[in-house]
């Protein structure tokens, strides 16, 4: 294992930022479509693992929230992976309904207009 790879044995081994957060990319298990990006803290990650649904930390509201608690669009966790530096998560889910609060299946439904290089 090279220096760039970090072995994680538990939540405490992950590299949370100075605010105690780690980015979590959420991906559909079947289609592999990226659904959303949100942030987790140790508590929301622990709840996700225990509950089997995604829990996140809202940076604007400064509180935990469960995906689907108001919309009913629940994400059932199938697998949680971490990157080589252990500072980002990939959460593989079965999405029930849509992921985006706009009503789109994915939050990534708009394309940045850039010139062709």
Protein backbone atom coordinates (compact mmCIF):
# COMPACT_ATOMS: atom_id res chain seq x y z
CA UNK A 1 0.00 0.00 0.00
CA UNK A 2 1.48 3.37 -1.00
CA UNK A 3 1.61 6.46 1.22
CA UNK A 4 -1.32 7.96 -0.76
CA UNK A 5 -3.62 5.18 0.41
CA UNK A 6 -5.15 5.17 3.85
CA UNK A 7 -6.64 2.09 5.49
CA UNK A 8 -9.82 2.90 7.41
CA UNK A 9 -10.98 0.59 10.16
CA UNK A 10 -13.72 2.86 11.51
CA UNK A 11 -15.30 6.30 11.34
CA UNK A 12 -12.55 7.80 13.50
CA UNK A 13 -9.97 6.90 10.83
CA UNK A 14 -11.66 9.07 8.18
CA UNK A 15 -10.28 12.56 7.52
CA UNK A 16 -12.99 15.06 8.36
CA UNK A 17 -12.25 18.72 7.56
CA UNK A 18 -11.70 21.47 10.14
CA UNK A 19 -15.50 21.76 10.57
CA UNK A 20 -15.81 18.02 11.19
CA UNK A 21 -17.32 17.34 7.75
CA UNK A 22 -16.57 14.97 4.90
CA UNK A 23 -18.05 15.23 1.38
CA UNK A 24 -20.35 12.37 0.41
CA UNK A 25 -21.09 11.69 -3.25
CA UNK A 26 -24.31 9.71 -3.61
CA UNK A 27 -24.61 7.34 -6.57
CA UNK A 28 -27.47 5.15 -7.81
CA UNK A 29 -26.58 1.46 -7.44
CA UNK A 30 -28.33 0.39 -10.65
CA UNK A 31 -27.67 3.22 -13.11
CA UNK A 32 -24.39 4.47 -11.52
CA UNK A 33 -25.74 8.00 -12.02
CA UNK A 34 -24.37 10.54 -9.55
CA UNK A 35 -27.40 11.76 -7.63
CA UNK A 36 -26.08 14.39 -5.27
CA UNK A 37 -23.24 15.72 -3.18
CA UNK A 38 -23.79 16.43 0.49
CA UNK A 39 -21.74 16.51 3.67
CA UNK A 40 -21.62 14.14 6.61
CA UNK A 41 -20.18 14.50 10.06
CA UNK A 42 -19.30 11.56 12.29
CA UNK A 43 -22.79 11.53 13.80
CA UNK A 44 -24.66 11.53 10.47
CA UNK A 45 -22.35 8.83 9.10
CA UNK A 46 -22.95 6.73 12.20
CA UNK A 47 -26.73 7.20 11.81
CA UNK A 48 -26.48 6.24 8.14
CA UNK A 49 -24.67 3.03 9.03
CA UNK A 50 -27.13 2.15 11.82
CA UNK A 51 -30.33 3.20 10.02
CA UNK A 52 -29.55 2.06 6.47
CA UNK A 53 -30.81 5.38 5.07
CA UNK A 54 -28.69 8.41 4.24
CA UNK A 55 -28.23 11.08 6.90
CA UNK A 56 -26.34 14.29 6.25
CA UNK A 57 -25.23 17.44 7.99
CA UNK A 58 -26.68 20.70 6.66
CA UNK A 59 -23.98 23.36 6.57
CA UNK A 60 -26.56 26.16 6.23
CA UNK A 61 -28.97 24.96 8.94
CA UNK A 62 -26.18 23.46 11.07
CA UNK A 63 -28.20 20.34 11.82
CA UNK A 64 -28.58 16.69 10.85
CA UNK A 65 -31.15 15.67 8.27
CA UNK A 66 -32.32 12.37 6.87
CA UNK A 67 -32.79 12.27 3.11
CA UNK A 68 -36.49 11.82 2.45
CA UNK A 69 -37.73 12.78 5.91
CA UNK A 70 -40.07 15.39 4.40
CA UNK A 71 -40.22 14.36 0.72
CA UNK A 72 -40.44 10.59 1.17
CA UNK A 73 -37.63 10.19 -1.40
CA UNK A 74 -35.50 7.90 0.73
CA UNK A 75 -32.05 6.60 -0.17
CA UNK A 76 -31.42 3.04 1.00
CA UNK A 77 -27.69 2.52 1.49
CA UNK A 78 -26.10 -0.47 -0.19
CA UNK A 79 -22.43 0.33 0.26
CA UNK A 80 -20.18 3.14 1.54
CA UNK A 81 -16.74 3.52 0.03
CA UNK A 82 -13.95 5.97 0.82
CA UNK A 83 -11.28 7.43 -1.44
CA UNK A 84 -7.52 6.80 -1.31
CA UNK A 85 -6.96 9.71 1.08
CA UNK A 86 -9.96 8.80 3.28
CA UNK A 87 -11.28 12.35 2.94
CA UNK A 88 -14.32 11.73 0.72
CA UNK A 89 -17.11 9.15 0.65
CA UNK A 90 -19.02 7.44 -2.15
CA UNK A 91 -22.42 6.27 -0.93
CA UNK A 92 -24.07 3.71 -3.21
CA UNK A 93 -27.86 3.72 -2.79
CA UNK A 94 -31.19 2.52 -4.08
CA UNK A 95 -33.07 5.78 -4.64
CA UNK A 96 -36.79 5.79 -3.87
CA UNK A 97 -38.23 8.68 -5.88
CA UNK A 98 -36.06 11.63 -6.88
CA UNK A 99 -32.84 12.80 -5.25
CA UNK A 100 -33.05 16.52 -6.01
CA UNK A 101 -35.31 19.01 -4.22
CA UNK A 102 -36.11 20.48 -7.68
CA UNK A 103 -37.95 17.29 -8.64
CA UNK A 104 -35.15 16.02 -10.90
CA UNK A 105 -33.88 12.51 -10.39
CA UNK A 106 -30.31 13.77 -9.95
CA UNK A 107 -29.05 17.11 -8.66
CA UNK A 108 -26.64 17.07 -11.62
CA UNK A 109 -29.09 17.83 -14.42
CA UNK A 110 -27.53 21.05 -15.77
CA UNK A 111 -24.47 21.32 -17.97
CA UNK A 112 -21.93 24.11 -17.78
CA UNK A 113 -21.58 25.77 -21.17
CA UNK A 114 -17.90 25.80 -22.08
CA UNK A 115 -16.19 26.20 -25.43
CA UNK A 116 -14.92 23.05 -27.09
CA UNK A 117 -11.16 22.85 -26.68
